Protein backbone atom coordinates (compact mmCIF):
# COMPACT_ATOMS: atom_id res chain seq x y z
CA MET A 1 0.00 0.00 0.00
CA ASP A 2 1.50 3.36 -1.04
CA GLN A 3 1.66 6.41 1.25
CA ALA A 4 -1.49 8.08 -0.10
CA SER A 5 -3.60 4.92 0.00
CA GLU A 6 -2.54 4.12 3.54
CA ARG A 7 -3.24 7.63 4.83
CA LEU A 8 -6.65 7.83 3.13
CA SER A 9 -7.74 4.28 3.96
CA LEU A 10 -9.77 5.44 6.97
CA ALA A 11 -11.50 8.32 5.15
CA THR A 12 -15.30 8.45 5.13
CA ALA A 13 -15.22 8.93 1.35
CA ARG A 14 -12.39 8.75 -1.18
CA GLY A 15 -11.88 9.70 -4.81
CA ASP A 16 -9.53 11.17 -7.39
CA PHE A 17 -9.60 14.60 -9.01
CA SER A 18 -9.08 12.96 -12.40
CA LYS A 19 -12.67 11.72 -12.12
CA THR A 20 -14.28 14.23 -9.73
CA PRO A 21 -12.76 17.74 -9.92
CA PHE A 22 -12.23 19.75 -6.75
CA GLY A 23 -15.13 22.10 -7.58
CA HIS A 24 -17.57 19.18 -7.58
CA VAL A 25 -16.27 17.93 -4.24
CA LEU A 26 -16.59 21.46 -2.83
CA ILE A 27 -20.26 21.73 -3.85
CA TYR A 28 -21.05 18.19 -2.70
CA ILE A 29 -19.81 19.00 0.81
CA SER A 30 -21.53 22.41 0.75
CA GLN A 31 -24.98 21.20 -0.28
CA ARG A 32 -24.96 18.51 2.40
CA LYS A 33 -23.59 20.95 5.05
CA LEU A 34 -20.93 18.43 6.08
CA SER A 35 -18.26 19.11 8.69
CA GLY A 36 -14.87 17.44 8.45
CA THR A 37 -11.45 17.54 6.80
CA LEU A 38 -10.67 17.03 3.12
CA GLU A 39 -7.12 15.72 2.64
CA ILE A 40 -5.51 15.84 -0.83
CA TYR A 41 -2.33 14.13 -2.02
CA ASP A 42 -0.42 16.15 -4.62
CA LYS A 43 3.01 15.09 -5.91
CA ASN A 44 4.57 14.00 -2.61
CA THR A 45 2.89 16.76 -0.63
CA TRP A 46 -0.40 17.07 1.24
CA HIS A 47 -3.11 19.72 1.35
CA ALA A 48 -5.97 19.86 3.85
CA VAL A 49 -9.19 21.88 4.07
CA TYR A 50 -11.47 21.92 7.11
CA PHE A 51 -15.20 22.42 6.43
CA ASN A 52 -17.63 23.69 9.05
CA ALA A 53 -21.26 22.89 8.18
CA GLY A 54 -20.41 22.87 4.46
CA SER A 55 -18.31 26.05 4.40
CA PRO A 56 -14.49 26.02 4.09
CA ALA A 57 -13.14 27.45 7.36
CA LYS A 58 -9.42 26.73 7.28
CA ALA A 59 -6.81 25.37 4.86
CA ARG A 60 -3.21 24.22 5.03
CA LEU A 61 -1.37 23.73 1.75
CA GLY A 62 1.81 21.80 1.21
CA THR A 63 2.65 24.25 -1.57
CA ARG A 64 3.58 27.79 -0.59
CA ILE A 65 1.43 30.60 -1.93
CA HIS A 66 0.92 34.08 -0.49
CA THR A 67 1.32 34.32 3.28
CA LEU A 68 -0.97 36.49 5.40
CA GLY A 69 1.80 39.06 5.76
CA GLU A 70 2.28 39.27 1.99
CA ILE A 71 -1.45 39.72 1.47
CA LEU A 72 -1.59 42.51 4.05
CA ILE A 73 1.33 44.30 2.35
CA ASN A 74 -0.07 43.78 -1.18
CA GLU A 75 -3.38 45.31 -0.11
CA GLY A 76 -1.60 48.29 1.44
CA VAL A 77 -2.81 47.52 4.96
CA ILE A 78 0.67 47.40 6.55
CA ASN A 79 4.28 48.04 5.51
CA GLU A 80 7.38 45.83 5.59
CA LYS A 81 8.67 47.34 8.83
CA GLN A 82 5.41 46.66 10.69
CA LEU A 83 5.38 43.06 9.43
CA GLU A 84 8.99 42.46 10.46
CA SER A 85 8.38 43.72 13.99
CA SER A 86 5.39 41.38 14.35
CA VAL A 87 7.36 38.41 13.00
CA ASP A 88 10.19 39.11 15.45
CA ASP A 89 7.71 39.19 18.36
CA GLY A 90 5.51 36.27 17.44
CA GLY A 91 7.18 33.92 14.97
CA ARG A 92 5.92 33.23 11.49
CA ASN A 93 2.61 31.53 12.23
CA SER A 94 -0.19 33.38 10.36
CA SER A 95 -2.54 33.57 13.32
CA LEU A 96 0.22 34.82 15.62
CA ILE A 97 1.28 37.44 13.08
CA GLY A 98 -2.31 38.62 12.76
CA SER A 99 -2.77 38.74 16.53
CA ARG A 100 0.46 40.69 16.97
CA LEU A 101 -0.55 43.20 14.30
CA VAL A 102 -3.88 43.76 16.07
CA GLU A 103 -2.18 44.07 19.49
CA LYS A 104 0.21 46.68 18.13
CA GLY A 105 -2.67 48.64 16.61
CA TYR A 106 -1.43 48.26 13.02
CA ILE A 107 -4.74 46.72 11.93
CA ASP A 108 -8.19 46.23 13.46
CA PRO A 109 -9.80 42.80 13.99
CA GLY A 110 -12.20 43.34 11.07
CA THR A 111 -9.32 43.94 8.66
CA LEU A 112 -7.57 40.82 9.96
CA ILE A 113 -10.64 38.68 9.33
CA THR A 114 -11.03 40.12 5.81
CA CYS A 115 -7.40 39.37 4.92
CA LEU A 116 -7.56 35.87 6.45
CA LYS A 117 -10.62 35.25 4.29
CA ASN A 118 -8.75 36.46 1.19
CA GLN A 119 -5.87 34.15 2.05
CA LEU A 120 -8.24 31.20 2.41
CA LYS A 121 -9.85 32.05 -0.94
CA GLU A 122 -6.43 32.05 -2.64
CA GLN A 123 -5.64 28.65 -1.15
CA LEU A 124 -8.95 27.16 -2.29
CA VAL A 125 -8.68 28.64 -5.79
CA TYR A 126 -5.23 27.05 -6.08
CA LEU A 127 -6.81 23.61 -5.57
CA PHE A 128 -8.92 24.05 -8.72
CA GLY A 129 -5.71 23.71 -10.70
CA LEU A 130 -5.17 20.14 -9.48
CA ARG A 131 -6.45 17.85 -12.23
CA ALA A 132 -5.42 14.51 -10.71
CA GLY A 133 -4.57 13.08 -7.33
CA PRO A 134 -6.35 11.10 -4.61
CA TYR A 135 -8.37 12.76 -1.86
CA GLY A 136 -10.27 11.62 1.21
CA PHE A 137 -12.94 13.27 3.34
CA PHE A 138 -12.90 12.56 7.07
CA GLN A 139 -16.39 13.45 8.26
CA GLY A 140 -16.69 14.91 11.75
CA VAL A 141 -12.89 15.15 12.14
CA ASN A 142 -10.99 18.45 12.37
CA ARG A 143 -7.39 17.62 11.46
CA LEU A 144 -6.48 21.32 11.47
CA ARG A 145 -7.71 22.02 15.00
CA ASP A 146 -4.22 22.86 16.27
CA TYR A 147 -3.17 24.79 13.16
CA ALA A 148 -3.39 28.61 12.93
CA GLY A 149 -5.78 29.16 15.82
CA GLU A 150 -9.58 28.94 15.88
CA GLU A 151 -11.76 28.80 12.77
CA LEU A 152 -12.86 32.42 12.49
CA ILE A 153 -13.53 32.52 8.77
CA VAL A 154 -16.76 31.83 6.91
CA THR A 155 -16.43 31.54 3.13
CA ASP A 156 -19.17 30.83 0.61
CA PRO A 157 -18.41 27.76 -1.55
CA TYR A 158 -20.43 29.21 -4.45
CA GLU A 159 -18.23 32.32 -4.58
CA ILE A 160 -15.11 30.12 -4.36
CA LEU A 161 -16.43 27.98 -7.20
CA MET A 162 -16.77 31.00 -9.51
CA GLU A 163 -13.33 32.36 -8.61
CA GLY A 164 -11.75 28.96 -9.18
CA LEU A 165 -13.48 28.54 -12.54
CA ARG A 166 -12.49 32.02 -13.71
CA LYS A 167 -8.83 31.21 -13.04
CA HIS A 168 -8.61 27.53 -13.90
CA GLY A 169 -11.74 26.86 -15.99
CA ASP A 170 -10.15 25.80 -19.29
CA ALA A 171 -11.86 23.64 -21.90
CA ASP A 172 -10.53 20.39 -20.38
CA LEU A 173 -12.26 21.17 -17.08
CA LEU A 174 -15.47 22.63 -18.50
CA SER A 175 -16.23 20.26 -21.39
CA PRO A 176 -17.36 17.08 -19.53
CA LEU A 177 -20.13 18.92 -17.68
CA ILE A 178 -21.03 21.40 -20.43
CA SER A 179 -21.48 18.44 -22.82
CA LYS A 180 -24.59 17.56 -20.83
CA ILE A 181 -26.46 20.48 -22.41
CA GLU A 182 -25.18 20.08 -25.97
CA ASN A 183 -28.11 19.87 -28.40
CA ARG A 184 -30.50 20.50 -25.53
CA LEU A 185 -32.75 23.35 -24.54
CA PHE A 186 -32.10 24.59 -21.02
CA TYR A 187 -33.22 27.41 -18.78
CA ILE A 188 -32.60 28.80 -15.34
CA LYS A 189 -34.97 30.08 -12.72
CA GLU A 190 -33.45 32.97 -10.80
CA HIS A 191 -33.18 32.32 -7.09
CA PRO A 192 -31.83 34.43 -4.20
CA ASP A 193 -28.99 31.91 -3.73
CA MET A 194 -27.61 32.88 -7.14
CA GLY A 195 -26.34 36.05 -5.49
CA ARG A 196 -23.86 33.86 -3.63
CA PHE A 197 -21.75 33.41 -6.78
CA ASN A 198 -20.72 37.08 -6.64
CA PHE A 199 -21.20 37.36 -10.41
CA THR A 200 -19.80 40.34 -12.29
CA LYS A 201 -22.30 42.72 -13.91
CA PRO A 202 -21.93 41.10 -17.39
CA GLU A 203 -22.38 37.67 -15.80
CA ARG A 204 -25.53 38.83 -13.99
CA ARG A 205 -26.98 40.26 -17.21
CA PHE A 206 -26.19 36.98 -18.96
CA CYS A 207 -28.08 35.06 -16.25
CA ARG A 208 -31.07 37.41 -16.53
CA ASN A 209 -31.14 36.81 -20.29
CA LEU A 210 -31.09 33.05 -19.69
CA SER A 211 -33.99 33.33 -17.24
CA ARG A 212 -36.23 34.87 -19.90
CA GLY A 213 -36.72 31.61 -21.77
CA PRO A 214 -35.13 28.35 -22.94
CA ALA A 215 -31.74 28.71 -24.63
CA SER A 216 -29.15 26.43 -26.24
CA LEU A 217 -25.36 26.41 -26.55
CA ASP A 218 -25.71 27.38 -30.22
CA ASN A 219 -27.70 30.49 -29.34
CA LEU A 220 -26.38 31.89 -26.07
CA PRO A 221 -27.70 35.37 -25.14
CA LEU A 222 -24.22 36.91 -24.73
CA GLU A 223 -23.73 40.37 -23.27
CA GLU A 224 -21.01 42.97 -23.67
CA GLY A 225 -18.19 41.94 -21.34
CA ILE A 226 -18.79 38.20 -21.53
CA ASP A 227 -17.59 35.99 -24.40
CA ASP A 228 -18.44 32.39 -25.21
CA HIS A 229 -15.84 31.02 -22.79
CA GLY A 230 -17.03 33.32 -19.99
CA ALA A 231 -20.61 32.19 -20.63
CA ARG A 232 -19.56 28.55 -20.38
CA VAL A 233 -17.85 29.25 -17.05
CA VAL A 234 -21.14 30.64 -15.72
CA LEU A 235 -23.11 27.70 -17.16
CA TYR A 236 -20.69 25.24 -15.54
CA ALA A 237 -21.20 26.87 -12.14
CA LEU A 238 -24.99 26.84 -12.54
CA LEU A 239 -24.98 23.20 -13.68
CA ALA A 240 -22.72 22.09 -10.82
CA THR A 241 -25.05 23.68 -8.26
CA GLY A 242 -28.34 22.57 -9.81
CA PHE A 243 -29.68 25.94 -11.00
CA ILE A 244 -30.07 24.85 -14.63
CA LYS A 245 -33.11 22.89 -15.73
CA ILE A 246 -32.68 20.90 -18.93
CA GLY A 247 -35.48 20.51 -21.44
CA GLU A 248 -36.07 18.74 -24.73
CA PRO A 249 -33.32 17.94 -27.27
CA THR A 250 -32.83 20.42 -30.12
CA VAL A 251 -31.79 17.52 -32.38
CA ALA A 252 -32.10 13.78 -32.08
CA PRO A 253 -28.90 12.15 -30.75
CA SER A 254 -27.17 10.22 -33.52
CA VAL A 255 -25.27 7.92 -31.14
CA PRO A 256 -25.94 6.75 -27.61
CA PRO A 257 -24.41 9.05 -24.97
CA GLU A 258 -21.18 7.87 -23.39
CA ASP A 259 -21.19 6.43 -19.91
CA ASP A 260 -20.43 9.33 -17.59
CA SER A 261 -21.08 7.70 -14.25
CA ASP A 262 -17.80 9.05 -12.87
CA LEU A 263 -18.87 12.58 -13.73
CA LYS A 264 -22.20 12.57 -11.97
CA ILE A 265 -22.55 15.38 -9.47
CA PRO A 266 -25.08 15.32 -6.63
CA GLY A 267 -27.75 17.95 -7.14
CA VAL A 268 -27.38 18.12 -10.94
CA LEU A 269 -30.20 16.83 -13.09
CA ASP A 270 -29.53 13.89 -15.39
CA THR A 271 -29.36 15.41 -18.86
CA LYS A 272 -29.78 12.27 -20.97
CA PRO A 273 -33.02 12.19 -22.99
CA SER A 274 -35.55 9.87 -21.43
CA ILE A 275 -36.80 8.89 -24.92
CA ALA A 276 -35.66 9.52 -28.47
CA ALA A 277 -36.58 12.85 -30.06
CA VAL A 278 -39.95 12.86 -31.82
CA ASP A 279 -40.29 13.69 -35.51
CA GLU A 280 -43.02 16.36 -35.60
CA SER A 281 -43.53 15.93 -39.34
CA GLU A 282 -45.50 12.75 -38.63
CA MET A 283 -47.87 14.31 -36.11
CA ASP A 284 -51.50 15.28 -36.62
CA GLU A 285 -52.66 18.89 -36.33
CA LYS A 286 -54.16 18.48 -32.87
CA THR A 287 -50.90 17.11 -31.40
CA LEU A 288 -48.86 19.81 -33.11
CA SER A 289 -51.19 22.44 -31.72
CA ILE A 290 -50.74 21.11 -28.18
CA ARG A 291 -46.95 20.97 -28.55
CA ASN A 292 -46.78 24.51 -29.89
CA GLU A 293 -48.97 25.77 -27.04
CA VAL A 294 -46.72 24.12 -24.44
CA LYS A 295 -43.55 25.57 -25.99
CA ALA A 296 -45.08 29.04 -26.32
CA LYS A 297 -46.29 29.00 -22.72
CA ALA A 298 -42.86 27.96 -21.44
CA LEU A 299 -41.10 30.64 -23.48
CA SER A 300 -43.43 33.40 -22.33
CA MET A 301 -43.38 32.59 -18.61
CA ALA A 302 -39.75 33.49 -17.97
CA SER A 303 -40.48 37.20 -18.46
CA GLN A 304 -43.92 37.24 -16.79
CA ASN A 305 -44.94 38.13 -13.26
CA TYR A 306 -47.26 35.87 -11.27
CA PHE A 307 -50.43 37.62 -12.43
CA GLU A 308 -49.41 37.32 -16.08
CA MET A 309 -48.52 33.64 -15.63
CA LEU A 310 -52.06 32.92 -14.44
CA GLY A 311 -53.67 35.38 -16.87
CA VAL A 312 -55.47 37.42 -14.19
CA ASP A 313 -55.60 41.11 -13.32
CA VAL A 314 -53.60 42.50 -10.40
CA ASP A 315 -56.84 43.12 -8.51
CA ALA A 316 -58.43 39.76 -9.33
CA PRO A 317 -60.35 38.18 -6.42
CA GLN A 318 -59.08 34.95 -4.88
CA ALA A 319 -61.86 32.93 -6.50
CA LYS A 320 -60.74 34.04 -9.95
CA ILE A 321 -57.08 33.30 -9.13
CA ARG A 322 -58.03 29.78 -8.02
CA LYS A 323 -60.13 29.21 -11.11
CA ALA A 324 -57.34 30.40 -13.43
CA PHE A 325 -54.81 28.15 -11.72
CA PHE A 326 -56.98 25.03 -11.90
CA GLU A 327 -57.75 25.62 -15.56
CA LEU A 328 -54.05 25.91 -16.36
CA ALA A 329 -53.21 22.93 -14.13
CA LYS A 330 -55.67 20.76 -16.05
CA LYS A 331 -53.94 21.72 -19.28
CA PHE A 332 -50.26 21.74 -18.23
CA HIS A 333 -49.97 19.17 -15.45
CA PRO A 334 -47.01 16.82 -16.18
CA ASP A 335 -49.45 13.89 -16.23
CA LYS A 336 -50.86 15.33 -19.47
CA CYS A 337 -47.75 14.33 -21.43
CA ASN A 338 -48.37 10.61 -21.01
CA THR A 339 -48.69 9.95 -24.73
CA PRO A 340 -45.64 9.02 -26.87
CA MET A 341 -46.03 12.19 -28.93
CA LEU A 342 -45.73 14.44 -25.86
CA GLN A 343 -43.35 12.60 -23.55
CA ASP A 344 -40.31 14.52 -24.80
CA LEU A 345 -41.93 17.71 -23.46
CA LEU A 346 -42.05 16.47 -19.85
CA GLU A 347 -39.44 18.99 -18.68
CA LEU A 348 -41.42 21.88 -20.17
CA TYR A 349 -44.67 20.65 -18.63
CA ASP A 350 -42.88 20.42 -15.29
CA TYR A 351 -41.43 23.94 -15.74
CA ILE A 352 -44.86 25.41 -16.48
CA PHE A 353 -46.63 23.58 -13.66
CA THR A 354 -43.95 24.55 -11.13
CA ASN A 355 -44.28 28.22 -12.07
CA ILE A 356 -48.06 28.40 -12.01
CA SER A 357 -48.07 26.55 -8.67
CA GLU A 358 -45.66 29.10 -7.21
CA ALA A 359 -47.78 31.92 -8.60
CA HIS A 360 -50.98 30.44 -7.17
CA ASN A 361 -49.47 29.81 -3.73
CA CYS A 362 -48.20 33.38 -3.53
CA LEU A 363 -51.31 35.16 -4.81
CA ILE A 364 -53.84 33.12 -2.88
CA ASN A 365 -52.32 34.15 0.47
CA PRO A 366 -53.34 37.70 1.45
CA ASP A 367 -50.05 38.42 3.24
CA SER A 368 -47.71 37.18 0.50
CA LEU A 369 -49.98 38.79 -2.12
CA GLU A 370 -49.60 42.16 -0.43
CA ARG A 371 -45.82 41.79 -0.27
CA TYR A 372 -45.61 40.62 -3.88
CA LYS A 373 -47.69 43.55 -5.14
CA ALA A 374 -45.26 45.89 -3.43
CA THR A 375 -42.48 44.57 -5.66
CA LEU A 376 -44.40 45.39 -8.85
CA ASP A 377 -44.45 49.20 -8.55
CA PRO A 378 -42.82 50.27 -11.85
CA ASN A 379 -41.97 53.77 -10.57
CA ALA A 380 -40.36 52.79 -7.31
CA LEU A 381 -36.92 51.63 -8.41
CA SER A 382 -34.62 51.19 -11.38
CA LYS A 383 -34.70 47.77 -13.00
CA GLU A 384 -31.49 46.61 -11.33
CA GLU A 385 -32.53 47.96 -7.93
CA GLU A 386 -35.96 46.41 -8.30
CA GLU A 387 -34.48 42.99 -9.06
CA LYS A 388 -32.16 43.31 -6.10
CA GLN A 389 -35.08 44.18 -3.83
CA VAL A 390 -37.19 41.30 -5.15
CA ARG A 391 -34.35 38.86 -4.52
CA ALA A 392 -33.95 40.20 -0.99
CA ILE A 393 -37.69 39.89 -0.33
CA LEU A 394 -37.80 36.34 -1.70
CA TYR A 395 -34.77 35.39 0.39
CA ALA A 396 -36.39 36.96 3.44
CA GLU A 397 -39.62 35.07 2.80
CA GLY A 398 -37.70 31.78 2.69
CA SER A 399 -36.00 32.61 5.99
CA PHE A 400 -39.38 33.54 7.52
CA GLN A 401 -40.96 30.23 6.47
CA ASN A 402 -38.04 28.36 8.06
CA ALA A 403 -38.52 30.47 11.19
CA LEU A 404 -42.20 29.47 11.31
CA VAL A 405 -41.25 25.80 11.09
CA ALA A 406 -38.74 26.20 13.93
CA TYR A 407 -41.35 28.08 16.02
CA LYS A 408 -43.93 25.33 15.55
CA LYS A 409 -41.30 22.80 16.65
CA ARG A 410 -40.77 25.01 19.75
CA ASP A 411 -37.16 25.67 18.75
CA PHE A 412 -37.50 29.33 19.71
CA ARG A 413 -33.79 30.12 19.67
CA LYS A 414 -33.41 28.98 16.06
CA SER A 415 -36.64 30.70 15.08
CA LYS A 416 -35.47 33.98 16.60
CA LYS A 417 -32.15 33.82 14.75
CA LEU A 418 -33.91 33.17 11.42
CA LEU A 419 -36.32 36.04 12.09
CA GLU A 420 -33.39 38.37 12.68
CA GLU A 421 -31.94 37.30 9.31
CA THR A 422 -35.31 37.96 7.69
CA LEU A 423 -35.60 41.45 9.17
CA GLU A 424 -32.08 42.27 8.03
CA LYS A 425 -33.15 41.58 4.44
CA ASN A 426 -36.70 42.96 4.74
CA PRO A 427 -37.25 45.19 7.79
CA GLU A 428 -40.85 45.88 6.68
CA HIS A 429 -41.98 42.23 6.97
CA GLY A 430 -45.04 42.61 9.21
CA ASP A 431 -45.57 38.95 10.10
CA CYS A 432 -41.88 38.59 10.90
CA ILE A 433 -41.95 41.58 13.25
CA ALA A 434 -45.03 40.12 14.96
CA LEU A 435 -43.53 36.66 15.54
CA TYR A 436 -40.16 38.11 16.58
CA THR A 437 -41.90 40.37 19.11
CA TRP A 438 -43.94 37.47 20.49
CA ILE A 439 -40.85 35.28 20.98
CA ARG A 440 -39.22 38.14 22.88
CA ALA A 441 -42.36 38.33 25.05
CA MET A 442 -42.11 34.61 25.82
CA GLU A 443 -38.47 35.07 26.82
CA ARG A 444 -39.52 37.64 29.43
CA GLY A 445 -42.03 35.33 31.06
CA THR A 446 -45.61 36.00 32.06
CA LYS A 447 -44.65 38.74 34.55
CA GLY A 448 -42.28 40.65 32.30
CA LYS A 449 -43.09 44.15 31.09
CA VAL A 450 -44.44 44.32 27.56
CA GLU A 451 -45.13 48.01 26.90
CA ASP A 452 -42.26 48.28 24.41
CA LEU A 453 -43.35 45.03 22.76
CA ILE A 454 -46.87 46.40 22.29
CA ARG A 455 -45.35 49.32 20.38
CA ASP A 456 -43.41 46.89 18.18
CA MET A 457 -46.57 44.88 17.58
CA GLU A 458 -48.35 48.09 16.56
CA LYS A 459 -45.67 48.55 13.88
CA ALA A 460 -46.38 45.04 12.60
CA LEU A 461 -50.09 45.82 12.41
CA ASP A 462 -49.46 49.12 10.64
CA LEU A 463 -47.63 47.15 7.97
CA MET A 464 -50.14 44.27 7.83
CA PRO A 465 -53.44 45.16 9.52
CA LYS A 466 -55.09 41.96 8.29
CA SER A 467 -52.41 39.65 9.63
CA GLU A 468 -54.05 36.93 11.70
CA GLN A 469 -51.02 36.22 13.86
CA ALA A 470 -50.16 39.90 14.45
CA ASN A 471 -53.70 40.57 15.72
CA PHE A 472 -53.64 37.46 17.89
CA PHE A 473 -50.21 38.23 19.40
CA MET A 474 -51.29 41.83 20.07
CA ALA A 475 -54.34 40.54 21.89
CA MET A 476 -52.18 38.24 24.03
CA LEU A 477 -49.82 41.11 24.94
CA LEU A 478 -52.75 43.34 25.88
CA LYS A 479 -54.25 40.57 27.98
CA ARG A 480 -50.95 40.15 29.80
CA SER A 481 -50.94 43.90 30.48
CA GLY A 482 -54.42 43.71 31.96
CA LEU A 483 -56.02 45.69 29.12
CA LEU A 484 -58.82 43.16 28.69
CA SER A 485 -61.22 45.35 26.72
CA GLU A 486 -58.59 46.10 24.09
CA ALA A 487 -57.45 42.47 24.10
CA VAL A 488 -60.97 41.27 23.29
CA ASN A 489 -61.10 43.76 20.43
CA TYR A 490 -58.00 42.23 18.82
CA PHE A 491 -59.14 38.66 19.50
CA GLU A 492 -62.37 39.59 17.71
CA LYS A 493 -60.39 40.93 14.73
CA THR A 494 -58.46 37.65 14.66
CA VAL A 495 -61.69 35.65 14.41
CA GLU A 496 -62.97 37.98 11.70
CA ILE A 497 -59.86 37.25 9.64
CA ASN A 498 -60.04 33.50 10.31
CA PRO A 499 -63.30 32.15 11.75
CA GLN A 500 -61.53 28.81 12.37
CA ASN A 501 -59.08 30.31 14.87
CA VAL A 502 -60.35 28.45 17.93
CA ASP A 503 -57.64 29.87 20.20
CA ALA A 504 -58.86 33.44 19.69
CA ALA A 505 -62.49 32.39 20.17
CA ARG A 506 -61.61 30.55 23.38
CA GLU A 507 -59.74 33.57 24.74
CA ILE A 508 -62.80 35.77 24.18
CA ARG A 509 -65.02 33.34 26.06
CA LEU A 510 -62.51 33.05 28.93
CA ILE A 511 -62.15 36.81 29.30
CA LEU A 512 -65.91 37.36 29.27
CA LYS A 513 -66.44 34.53 31.73
CA GLN A 514 -63.69 35.53 34.17
CA SER A 515 -64.33 39.26 34.07
CA SER A 516 -67.34 41.35 34.96
CA MET A 517 -67.45 42.83 31.44
CA SER A 518 -70.55 42.51 29.39
CA PRO A 519 -70.07 41.77 25.67
CA LYS A 520 -70.94 45.39 24.93
CA ALA A 521 -68.33 46.72 27.36
CA ALA A 522 -65.69 44.35 26.13
CA GLY A 523 -65.75 45.18 22.48
CA GLY A 524 -68.46 47.66 21.80
CA SER A 525 -70.49 45.08 19.88
CA SER A 526 -72.24 41.81 20.48
CA ILE A 527 -69.18 39.59 20.47
CA LEU A 528 -71.00 36.52 21.73
CA GLY A 529 -73.51 36.87 18.94
CA PHE A 530 -70.70 37.33 16.50
CA LEU A 531 -69.03 34.13 17.74
CA LYS A 532 -72.24 32.15 17.52
CA LYS A 533 -72.51 33.05 13.86
CA LYS A 534 -68.82 32.46 13.11
CA LEU A 535 -68.39 29.21 15.01
CA LYS A 536 -71.56 27.43 14.00
């Protein structure tokens, strides 16, 4: 057994960069949020990278590249004399040099973290140039624990992937994965996570062009500042991370595709045609009409908002939105392509159905509908600013939904953290403010003061007066403060919004039963009569 094989024999997973490039390994670990050490054997030397929950946190290379001191000097942060004095005091260890520079007041901690991150990025980008060599991943093991201090750095693997591809993404690296979309239509659906790549402006414009409808390698929507090679670098990154959806073939394959089992990447769709391409010249008019309608619908949707996708007005009532969705679902559900003449359009059917489902789910909910409408004001922002805001709102909405799940599981600490992330992206998220305020109230206990929390809840209600949970939480805060009459008023509003909210109805009955208030005094109207009608 040679040195590399012996050292890697106990690894959780092993491989070779000649079959699975470093970028693929990086994304595999990232998407599964794994923690552990990746060890790489390279021409009689070893490299190691420690991952913390999927993100590279520390690296040690057997090959010398720029030291922390060199990076600090190159970026103009310190001079040679300052570096030499720190080396004399603390040795040549990067973490000790950084600590000494901070102690001496030459740099601040924030600058140190930034430069350590840049050093880590350089080390990781270097690994993209390795085209062969065995590696092993030791899950749950930190083999760099005693090297260069604590793991203070958080790097985004998607950004590292793009930087590595820009520097080392030659044809030999790109071709095996790019070949998956040769003679195929493909498209992307923009997602907030695409911002993690840190694309340049030309790259972002290229991605926006791709999102407007299916494209092919023969007809790439290039932009000024990005050539064919640059476009393929972007496509490679999107394929490796699963952002590209692959549709029907543009031509029938003349030979069976080669076996590429060693090139499969977790999270990337299989691009081989499920059936042979269909010759449309042999189809009847009805089938051709259906096929043309499906293709036209798919092409048009990429540039449409949710209302346009469903074919309804911005002020359409919920009943009309539901009706429009079900009519489209009957026509474009993937089950509709169960005939041989339509099976090759399965990806397009799936694309259409996914989009109309997203549109329906957003527009049928009063809260998300209100937020979505706010993003459609054509006079509010420039196009680029508007897209940036929409991405932030969508990202915030995803964080909020995760926070709701954590709250329902009674994991209040996790929920609170996710809510803080949501508010950072979208500080005007009414439901988020309401839930965040309520969790803070629970942290204070039943005897804690809540006057400031009531003011925060009022802000949530100003933003979303018809929010069921904001009205309910406000009622609970008022009840805790002893303001029973006002509490009943908000419980009543909660039941008006959702007659099935049994908690609010029960609270009204308990307050009326335990207090001397009459229904009239409690809410100024016949609440008991109201409840009898609502809860029948």
